[in-house]
Amino acid sequence: MFDGAVAKTAKKLGEPPQSLRLKPYADGLSLPTLHLGSCDDEDSVLARLHDEVMLNKGFTFNGLIYLSDPRKTKPSKLMAILRQPVMVIG
């Protein structure tokens, strides 16, 4: 799948940099949530994740990862997966 994506992109953008690579990444336990809409409206989604969900499950912060690609989508139609890495309290 990676090689196919690189080949398809190369047709549009030219050869990729030599540093491009596929590497496994494991960040451990996390809580994901789907956010629909503008990036400007993420605060309320993250606040609920942090103040309600994490607290009720006995988790605390362990970093933040944010994924989004707004290049071809209107802000109101953006879909982003917000992933909050967590660890058990105690």
PDB file of N, CA and C in Angstrom:
ATOM      1  N   MET A   1       0.832  -1.183   0.000  1.00  0.00           N
ATOM      2  CA  MET A   1       0.000   0.000   0.000  1.00  0.00           C
ATOM      3  C   MET A   1       0.884   1.257   0.000  1.00  0.00           C
ATOM      4  N   PHE A   2       1.942   1.230   0.807  1.00  0.00           N
ATOM      5  CA  PHE A   2       2.852   2.369   0.891  1.00  0.00           C
ATOM      6  C   PHE A   2       3.492   2.646  -0.466  1.00  0.00           C
ATOM      7  N   ASP A   3       4.008   1.605  -1.113  1.00  0.00           N
ATOM      8  CA  ASP A   3       4.660   1.780  -2.414  1.00  0.00           C
ATOM      9  C   ASP A   3       3.688   2.331  -3.451  1.00  0.00           C
ATOM     10  N   GLY A   4       2.435   1.867  -3.419  1.00  0.00           N
ATOM     11  CA  GLY A   4       1.425   2.368  -4.343  1.00  0.00           C
ATOM     12  C   GLY A   4       1.124   3.844  -4.117  1.00  0.00           C
ATOM     13  N   ALA A   5       1.041   4.248  -2.858  1.00  0.00           N
ATOM     14  CA  ALA A   5       0.782   5.651  -2.531  1.00  0.00           C
ATOM     15  C   ALA A   5       1.945   6.533  -2.967  1.00  0.00           C
ATOM     16  N   VAL A   6       3.171   6.062  -2.760  1.00  0.00           N
ATOM     17  CA  VAL A   6       4.353   6.826  -3.170  1.00  0.00           C
ATOM     18  C   VAL A   6       4.371   6.978  -4.692  1.00  0.00           C
ATOM     19  N   ALA A   7       4.088   5.904  -5.418  1.00  0.00           N
ATOM     20  CA  ALA A   7       4.084   5.953  -6.887  1.00  0.00           C
ATOM     21  C   ALA A   7       3.004   6.909  -7.408  1.00  0.00           C
ATOM     22  N   LYS A   8       1.821   6.846  -6.824  1.00  0.00           N
ATOM     23  CA  LYS A   8       0.727   7.728  -7.245  1.00  0.00           C
ATOM     24  C   LYS A   8       1.073   9.196  -6.982  1.00  0.00           C
ATOM     25  N   THR A   9       1.626   9.471  -5.825  1.00  0.00           N
ATOM     26  CA  THR A   9       2.016  10.833  -5.475  1.00  0.00           C
ATOM     27  C   THR A   9       3.140  11.333  -6.365  1.00  0.00           C
ATOM     28  N   ALA A  10       4.082  10.466  -6.707  1.00  0.00           N
ATOM     29  CA  ALA A  10       5.210  10.853  -7.560  1.00  0.00           C
ATOM     30  C   ALA A  10       4.744  11.328  -8.924  1.00  0.00           C
ATOM     31  N   LYS A  11       3.656  10.762  -9.430  1.00  0.00           N
ATOM     32  CA  LYS A  11       3.121  11.191 -10.730  1.00  0.00           C
ATOM     33  C   LYS A  11       2.671  12.649 -10.687  1.00  0.00           C
ATOM     34  N   LYS A  12       2.151  13.078  -9.543  1.00  0.00           N
ATOM     35  CA  LYS A  12       1.647  14.443  -9.401  1.00  0.00           C
ATOM     36  C   LYS A  12       2.706  15.423  -8.909  1.00  0.00           C
ATOM     37  N   LEU A  13       3.553  14.970  -7.979  1.00  0.00           N
ATOM     38  CA  LEU A  13       4.459  15.891  -7.293  1.00  0.00           C
ATOM     39  C   LEU A  13       5.937  15.670  -7.585  1.00  0.00           C
ATOM     40  N   GLY A  14       6.268  14.634  -8.340  1.00  0.00           N
ATOM     41  CA  GLY A  14       7.672  14.345  -8.606  1.00  0.00           C
ATOM     42  C   GLY A  14       8.212  13.338  -7.604  1.00  0.00           C
ATOM     43  N   GLU A  15       9.455  13.023  -7.740  1.00  0.00           N
ATOM     44  CA  GLU A  15      10.077  12.014  -6.887  1.00  0.00           C
ATOM     45  C   GLU A  15      10.082  12.442  -5.420  1.00  0.00           C
ATOM     46  N   PRO A  16       9.794  11.510  -4.535  1.00  0.00           N
ATOM     47  CA  PRO A  16       9.796  11.831  -3.104  1.00  0.00           C
ATOM     48  C   PRO A  16      11.218  11.978  -2.583  1.00  0.00           C
ATOM     49  N   PRO A  17      11.378  12.616  -1.442  1.00  0.00           N
ATOM     50  CA  PRO A  17      12.713  12.752  -0.862  1.00  0.00           C
ATOM     51  C   PRO A  17      13.261  11.389  -0.436  1.00  0.00           C
ATOM     52  N   GLN A  18      14.558  11.248  -0.441  1.00  0.00           N
ATOM     53  CA  GLN A  18      15.197   9.990  -0.038  1.00  0.00           C
ATOM     54  C   GLN A  18      14.878   9.627   1.407  1.00  0.00           C
ATOM     55  N   SER A  19      14.550  10.602   2.216  1.00  0.00           N
ATOM     56  CA  SER A  19      14.284  10.360   3.635  1.00  0.00           C
ATOM     57  C   SER A  19      12.898   9.758   3.891  1.00  0.00           C
ATOM     58  N   LEU A  20      12.025   9.722   2.874  1.00  0.00           N
ATOM     59  CA  LEU A  20      10.683   9.180   3.047  1.00  0.00           C
ATOM     60  C   LEU A  20      10.761   7.690   3.348  1.00  0.00           C
ATOM     61  N   ARG A  21      10.041   7.268   4.399  1.00  0.00           N
ATOM     62  CA  ARG A  21      10.065   5.859   4.779  1.00  0.00           C
ATOM     63  C   ARG A  21       8.792   5.512   5.534  1.00  0.00           C
ATOM     64  N   LEU A  22       8.492   4.238   5.567  1.00  0.00           N
ATOM     65  CA  LEU A  22       7.378   3.719   6.347  1.00  0.00           C
ATOM     66  C   LEU A  22       7.977   3.038   7.565  1.00  0.00           C
ATOM     67  N   LYS A  23       7.526   3.452   8.731  1.00  0.00           N
ATOM     68  CA  LYS A  23       8.092   2.936   9.965  1.00  0.00           C
ATOM     69  C   LYS A  23       6.967   2.706  10.965  1.00  0.00           C
ATOM     70  N   PRO A  24       6.925   1.542  11.606  1.00  0.00           N
ATOM     71  CA  PRO A  24       5.870   1.313  12.596  1.00  0.00           C
ATOM     72  C   PRO A  24       6.001   2.272  13.779  1.00  0.00           C
ATOM     73  N   TYR A  25       4.864   2.621  14.338  1.00  0.00           N
ATOM     74  CA  TYR A  25       4.857   3.536  15.468  1.00  0.00           C
ATOM     75  C   TYR A  25       3.811   3.049  16.455  1.00  0.00           C
ATOM     76  N   ALA A  26       4.185   2.849  17.678  1.00  0.00           N
ATOM     77  CA  ALA A  26       3.254   2.438  18.725  1.00  0.00           C
ATOM     78  C   ALA A  26       3.350   3.437  19.870  1.00  0.00           C
ATOM     79  N   ASP A  27       2.263   4.126  20.128  1.00  0.00           N
ATOM     80  CA  ASP A  27       2.287   5.130  21.190  1.00  0.00           C
ATOM     81  C   ASP A  27       1.563   4.661  22.441  1.00  0.00           C
ATOM     82  N   GLY A  28       1.126   3.419  22.464  1.00  0.00           N
ATOM     83  CA  GLY A  28       0.491   2.884  23.658  1.00  0.00           C
ATOM     84  C   GLY A  28      -0.979   3.219  23.768  1.00  0.00           C
ATOM     85  N   LEU A  29      -1.477   3.198  24.964  1.00  0.00           N
ATOM     86  CA  LEU A  29      -2.888   3.419  25.258  1.00  0.00           C
ATOM     87  C   LEU A  29      -3.310   4.843  24.901  1.00  0.00           C
ATOM     88  N   SER A  30      -4.445   4.960  24.196  1.00  0.00           N
ATOM     89  CA  SER A  30      -4.940   6.296  23.857  1.00  0.00           C
ATOM     90  C   SER A  30      -6.456   6.266  23.736  1.00  0.00           C
ATOM     91  N   LEU A  31      -7.062   7.442  23.829  1.00  0.00           N
ATOM     92  CA  LEU A  31      -8.497   7.614  23.652  1.00  0.00           C
ATOM     93  C   LEU A  31      -8.719   8.420  22.375  1.00  0.00           C
ATOM     94  N   PRO A  32      -9.318   7.818  21.345  1.00  0.00           N
ATOM     95  CA  PRO A  32      -9.597   8.563  20.119  1.00  0.00           C
ATOM     96  C   PRO A  32     -11.031   9.093  20.115  1.00  0.00           C
ATOM     97  N   THR A  33     -11.243  10.182  19.414  1.00  0.00           N
ATOM     98  CA  THR A  33     -12.594  10.702  19.203  1.00  0.00           C
ATOM     99  C   THR A  33     -12.640  11.354  17.826  1.00  0.00           C
ATOM    100  N   LEU A  34     -13.792  11.290  17.179  1.00  0.00           N
ATOM    101  CA  LEU A  34     -13.965  11.891  15.861  1.00  0.00           C
ATOM    102  C   LEU A  34     -14.497  13.303  16.028  1.00  0.00           C
ATOM    103  N   HIS A  35     -13.834  14.269  15.385  1.00  0.00           N
ATOM    104  CA  HIS A  35     -14.292  15.663  15.409  1.00  0.00           C
ATOM    105  C   HIS A  35     -14.751  16.035  14.008  1.00  0.00           C
ATOM    106  N   LEU A  36     -15.954  16.557  13.895  1.00  0.00           N
ATOM    107  CA  LEU A  36     -16.498  17.011  12.612  1.00  0.00           C
ATOM    108  C   LEU A  36     -16.583  18.525  12.620  1.00  0.00           C
ATOM    109  N   GLY A  37     -16.016  19.161  11.594  1.00  0.00           N
ATOM    110  CA  GLY A  37     -16.096  20.608  11.485  1.00  0.00           C
ATOM    111  C   GLY A  37     -14.742  21.277  11.532  1.00  0.00           C
ATOM    112  N   SER A  38     -14.772  22.570  11.655  1.00  0.00           N
ATOM    113  CA  SER A  38     -13.574  23.400  11.634  1.00  0.00           C
ATOM    114  C   SER A  38     -12.622  23.072  12.776  1.00  0.00           C
ATOM    115  N   CYS A  39     -11.348  23.213  12.501  1.00  0.00           N
ATOM    116  CA  CYS A  39     -10.317  23.028  13.533  1.00  0.00           C
ATOM    117  C   CYS A  39     -10.517  24.034  14.665  1.00  0.00           C
ATOM    118  N   ASP A  40     -11.116  25.169  14.355  1.00  0.00           N
ATOM    119  CA  ASP A  40     -11.354  26.200  15.368  1.00  0.00           C
ATOM    120  C   ASP A  40     -12.340  25.744  16.444  1.00  0.00           C
ATOM    121  N   ASP A  41     -13.126  24.697  16.134  1.00  0.00           N
ATOM    122  CA  ASP A  41     -14.155  24.225  17.065  1.00  0.00           C
ATOM    123  C   ASP A  41     -13.728  22.995  17.862  1.00  0.00           C
ATOM    124  N   GLU A  42     -12.460  22.651  17.848  1.00  0.00           N
ATOM    125  CA  GLU A  42     -11.985  21.442  18.527  1.00  0.00           C
ATOM    126  C   GLU A  42     -11.949  21.580  20.046  1.00  0.00           C
ATOM    127  N   ASP A  43     -11.869  22.793  20.546  1.00  0.00           N
ATOM    128  CA  ASP A  43     -11.698  22.991  21.986  1.00  0.00           C
ATOM    129  C   ASP A  43     -12.759  22.279  22.811  1.00  0.00           C
ATOM    130  N   SER A  44     -14.022  22.349  22.397  1.00  0.00           N
ATOM    131  CA  SER A  44     -15.089  21.733  23.191  1.00  0.00           C
ATOM    132  C   SER A  44     -14.981  20.211  23.169  1.00  0.00           C
ATOM    133  N   VAL A  45     -14.554  19.641  22.038  1.00  0.00           N
ATOM    134  CA  VAL A  45     -14.395  18.190  21.949  1.00  0.00           C
ATOM    135  C   VAL A  45     -13.257  17.728  22.856  1.00  0.00           C
ATOM    136  N   LEU A  46     -12.133  18.441  22.790  1.00  0.00           N
ATOM    137  CA  LEU A  46     -10.992  18.086  23.643  1.00  0.00           C
ATOM    138  C   LEU A  46     -11.305  18.315  25.119  1.00  0.00           C
ATOM    139  N   ALA A  47     -12.050  19.355  25.427  1.00  0.00           N
ATOM    140  CA  ALA A  47     -12.412  19.625  26.826  1.00  0.00           C
ATOM    141  C   ALA A  47     -13.238  18.478  27.387  1.00  0.00           C
ATOM    142  N   ARG A  48     -14.197  17.974  26.610  1.00  0.00           N
ATOM    143  CA  ARG A  48     -15.012  16.840  27.079  1.00  0.00           C
ATOM    144  C   ARG A  48     -14.137  15.601  27.245  1.00  0.00           C
ATOM    145  N   LEU A  49     -13.260  15.347  26.295  1.00  0.00           N
ATOM    146  CA  LEU A  49     -12.363  14.190  26.383  1.00  0.00           C
ATOM    147  C   LEU A  49     -11.493  14.278  27.632  1.00  0.00           C
ATOM    148  N   HIS A  50     -10.939  15.453  27.873  1.00  0.00           N
ATOM    149  CA  HIS A  50     -10.034  15.643  29.016  1.00  0.00           C
ATOM    150  C   HIS A  50     -10.774  15.662  30.353  1.00  0.00           C
ATOM    151  N   ASP A  51     -11.863  16.439  30.422  1.00  0.00           N
ATOM    152  CA  ASP A  51     -12.521  16.706  31.706  1.00  0.00           C
ATOM    153  C   ASP A  51     -13.547  15.650  32.126  1.00  0.00           C
ATOM    154  N   GLU A  52     -14.091  14.919  31.153  1.00  0.00           N
ATOM    155  CA  GLU A  52     -15.110  13.922  31.485  1.00  0.00           C
ATOM    156  C   GLU A  52     -14.614  12.497  31.241  1.00  0.00           C
ATOM    157  N   VAL A  53     -14.301  12.171  30.004  1.00  0.00           N
ATOM    158  CA  VAL A  53     -13.984  10.795  29.636  1.00  0.00           C
ATOM    159  C   VAL A  53     -12.730  10.295  30.343  1.00  0.00           C
ATOM    160  N   MET A  54     -11.636  11.057  30.239  1.00  0.00           N
ATOM    161  CA  MET A  54     -10.388  10.628  30.872  1.00  0.00           C
ATOM    162  C   MET A  54     -10.552  10.497  32.381  1.00  0.00           C
ATOM    163  N   LEU A  55     -11.188  11.472  32.996  1.00  0.00           N
ATOM    164  CA  LEU A  55     -11.390  11.469  34.444  1.00  0.00           C
ATOM    165  C   LEU A  55     -12.199  10.257  34.888  1.00  0.00           C
ATOM    166  N   ASN A  56     -13.290   9.958  34.172  1.00  0.00           N
ATOM    167  CA  ASN A  56     -14.160   8.832  34.531  1.00  0.00           C
ATOM    168  C   ASN A  56     -13.498   7.476  34.337  1.00  0.00           C
ATOM    169  N   LYS A  57     -12.533   7.386  33.439  1.00  0.00           N
ATOM    170  CA  LYS A  57     -11.849   6.117  33.176  1.00  0.00           C
ATOM    171  C   LYS A  57     -10.558   5.970  33.977  1.00  0.00           C
ATOM    172  N   GLY A  58     -10.209   6.999  34.754  1.00  0.00           N
ATOM    173  CA  GLY A  58      -9.010   6.920  35.582  1.00  0.00           C
ATOM    174  C   GLY A  58      -7.718   7.122  34.805  1.00  0.00           C
ATOM    175  N   PHE A  59      -7.772   7.931  33.752  1.00  0.00           N
ATOM    176  CA  PHE A  59      -6.593   8.215  32.933  1.00  0.00           C
ATOM    177  C   PHE A  59      -6.091   9.628  33.177  1.00  0.00           C
ATOM    178  N   THR A  60      -4.831   9.865  32.827  1.00  0.00           N
ATOM    179  CA  THR A  60      -4.257  11.201  32.843  1.00  0.00           C
ATOM    180  C   THR A  60      -3.500  11.415  31.532  1.00  0.00           C
ATOM    181  N   PHE A  61      -3.031  12.634  31.294  1.00  0.00           N
ATOM    182  CA  PHE A  61      -2.351  12.984  30.045  1.00  0.00           C
ATOM    183  C   PHE A  61      -1.057  12.203  29.857  1.00  0.00           C
ATOM    184  N   ASN A  62      -0.765  11.923  28.600  1.00  0.00           N
ATOM    185  CA  ASN A  62       0.497  11.282  28.241  1.00  0.00           C
ATOM    186  C   ASN A  62       0.908  11.763  26.857  1.00  0.00           C
ATOM    187  N   GLY A  63       0.728  13.068  26.576  1.00  0.00           N
ATOM    188  CA  GLY A  63       1.048  13.627  25.269  1.00  0.00           C
ATOM    189  C   GLY A  63      -0.216  13.873  24.461  1.00  0.00           C
ATOM    190  N   LEU A  64      -0.078  14.427  23.265  1.00  0.00           N
ATOM    191  CA  LEU A  64      -1.210  14.708  22.382  1.00  0.00           C
ATOM    192  C   LEU A  64      -0.803  14.450  20.944  1.00  0.00           C
ATOM    193  N   ILE A  65      -1.666  13.772  20.194  1.00  0.00           N
ATOM    194  CA  ILE A  65      -1.444  13.536  18.765  1.00  0.00           C
ATOM    195  C   ILE A  65      -2.673  14.053  18.035  1.00  0.00           C
ATOM    196  N   TYR A  66      -2.479  14.830  16.962  1.00  0.00           N
ATOM    197  CA  TYR A  66      -3.579  15.396  16.201  1.00  0.00           C
ATOM    198  C   TYR A  66      -3.375  15.055  14.730  1.00  0.00           C
ATOM    199  N   LEU A  67      -4.401  14.527  14.075  1.00  0.00           N
ATOM    200  CA  LEU A  67      -4.351  14.176  12.658  1.00  0.00           C
ATOM    201  C   LEU A  67      -5.439  14.934  11.911  1.00  0.00           C
ATOM    202  N   SER A  68      -5.079  15.577  10.787  1.00  0.00           N
ATOM    203  CA  SER A  68      -6.073  16.259   9.969  1.00  0.00           C
ATOM    204  C   SER A  68      -5.480  16.598   8.617  1.00  0.00           C
ATOM    205  N   ASP A  69      -6.319  16.680   7.594  1.00  0.00           N
ATOM    206  CA  ASP A  69      -5.865  17.071   6.262  1.00  0.00           C
ATOM    207  C   ASP A  69      -6.898  18.001   5.638  1.00  0.00           C
ATOM    208  N   PRO A  70      -6.793  19.306   5.883  1.00  0.00           N
ATOM    209  CA  PRO A  70      -7.793  20.263   5.406  1.00  0.00           C
ATOM    210  C   PRO A  70      -7.558  20.789   3.990  1.00  0.00           C
ATOM    211  N   ARG A  71      -6.660  20.196   3.234  1.00  0.00           N
ATOM    212  CA  ARG A  71      -6.283  20.764   1.932  1.00  0.00           C
ATOM    213  C   ARG A  71      -7.413  20.844   0.914  1.00  0.00           C
ATOM    214  N   LYS A  72      -8.306  19.881   0.886  1.00  0.00           N
ATOM    215  CA  LYS A  72      -9.336  19.860  -0.154  1.00  0.00           C
ATOM    216  C   LYS A  72     -10.752  19.869   0.409  1.00  0.00           C
ATOM    217  N   THR A  73     -10.921  20.235   1.660  1.00  0.00           N
ATOM    218  CA  THR A  73     -12.226  20.160   2.308  1.00  0.00           C
ATOM    219  C   THR A  73     -12.597  21.499   2.932  1.00  0.00           C
ATOM    220  N   LYS A  74     -13.865  21.871   2.785  1.00  0.00           N
ATOM    221  CA  LYS A  74     -14.346  23.079   3.452  1.00  0.00           C
ATOM    222  C   LYS A  74     -14.225  22.879   4.959  1.00  0.00           C
ATOM    223  N   PRO A  75     -13.924  23.942   5.705  1.00  0.00           N
ATOM    224  CA  PRO A  75     -13.777  23.811   7.160  1.00  0.00           C
ATOM    225  C   PRO A  75     -14.969  23.140   7.838  1.00  0.00           C
ATOM    226  N   SER A  76     -16.182  23.431   7.373  1.00  0.00           N
ATOM    227  CA  SER A  76     -17.372  22.861   8.012  1.00  0.00           C
ATOM    228  C   SER A  76     -17.507  21.356   7.776  1.00  0.00           C
ATOM    229  N   LYS A  77     -16.780  20.822   6.801  1.00  0.00           N
ATOM    230  CA  LYS A  77     -16.875  19.399   6.468  1.00  0.00           C
ATOM    231  C   LYS A  77     -15.644  18.604   6.883  1.00  0.00           C
ATOM    232  N   LEU A  78     -14.699  19.243   7.561  1.00  0.00           N
ATOM    233  CA  LEU A  78     -13.493  18.544   7.985  1.00  0.00           C
ATOM    234  C   LEU A  78     -13.824  17.433   8.963  1.00  0.00           C
ATOM    235  N   MET A  79     -13.126  16.324   8.842  1.00  0.00           N
ATOM    236  CA  MET A  79     -13.221  15.237   9.811  1.00  0.00           C
ATOM    237  C   MET A  79     -11.813  14.977  10.313  1.00  0.00           C
ATOM    238  N   ALA A  80     -11.634  15.047  11.596  1.00  0.00           N
ATOM    239  CA  ALA A  80     -10.318  14.835  12.185  1.00  0.00           C
ATOM    240  C   ALA A  80     -10.433  13.812  13.307  1.00  0.00           C
ATOM    241  N   ILE A  81      -9.450  12.943  13.388  1.00  0.00           N
ATOM    242  CA  ILE A  81      -9.379  12.017  14.512  1.00  0.00           C
ATOM    243  C   ILE A  81      -8.439  12.636  15.528  1.00  0.00           C
ATOM    244  N   LEU A  82      -8.965  12.939  16.697  1.00  0.00           N
ATOM    245  CA  LEU A  82      -8.167  13.487  17.776  1.00  0.00           C
ATOM    246  C   LEU A  82      -7.822  12.334  18.699  1.00  0.00           C
ATOM    247  N   ARG A  83      -6.543  12.079  18.878  1.00  0.00           N
ATOM    248  CA  ARG A  83      -6.093  10.972  19.722  1.00  0.00           C
ATOM    249  C   ARG A  83      -5.322  11.534  20.902  1.00  0.00           C
ATOM    250  N   GLN A  84      -5.801  11.190  22.081  1.00  0.00           N
ATOM    251  CA  GLN A  84      -5.127  11.631  23.300  1.00  0.00           C
ATOM    252  C   GLN A  84      -4.437  10.436  23.935  1.00  0.00           C
ATOM    253  N   PRO A  85      -3.102  10.347  23.832  1.00  0.00           N
ATOM    254  CA  PRO A  85      -2.399   9.286  24.558  1.00  0.00           C
ATOM    255  C   PRO A  85      -2.607   9.481  26.064  1.00  0.00           C
ATOM    256  N   VAL A  86      -2.869   8.378  26.762  1.00  0.00           N
ATOM    257  CA  VAL A  86      -3.142   8.441  28.194  1.00  0.00           C
ATOM    258  C   VAL A  86      -2.343   7.365  28.939  1.00  0.00           C
ATOM    259  N   MET A  87      -2.343   7.478  30.257  1.00  0.00           N
ATOM    260  CA  MET A  87      -1.797   6.424  31.112  1.00  0.00           C
ATOM    261  C   MET A  87      -2.674   6.336  32.344  1.00  0.00           C
ATOM    262  N   VAL A  88      -2.702   5.181  32.954  1.00  0.00           N
ATOM    263  CA  VAL A  88      -3.523   4.946  34.136  1.00  0.00           C
ATOM    264  C   VAL A  88      -2.976   5.781  35.303  1.00  0.00           C
ATOM    265  N   ILE A  89      -3.872   6.412  36.034  1.00  0.00           N
ATOM    266  CA  ILE A  89      -3.482   7.199  37.204  1.00  0.00           C
ATOM    267  C   ILE A  89      -3.066   6.250  38.321  1.00  0.00           C
ATOM    268  N   GLY A  90      -1.938   6.588  38.933  1.00  0.00           N
ATOM    269  CA  GLY A  90      -1.526   5.808  40.093  1.00  0.00           C
ATOM    270  C   GLY A  90      -0.415   4.932  39.854  1.00  0.00           C
TER     271      GLY A  90
END
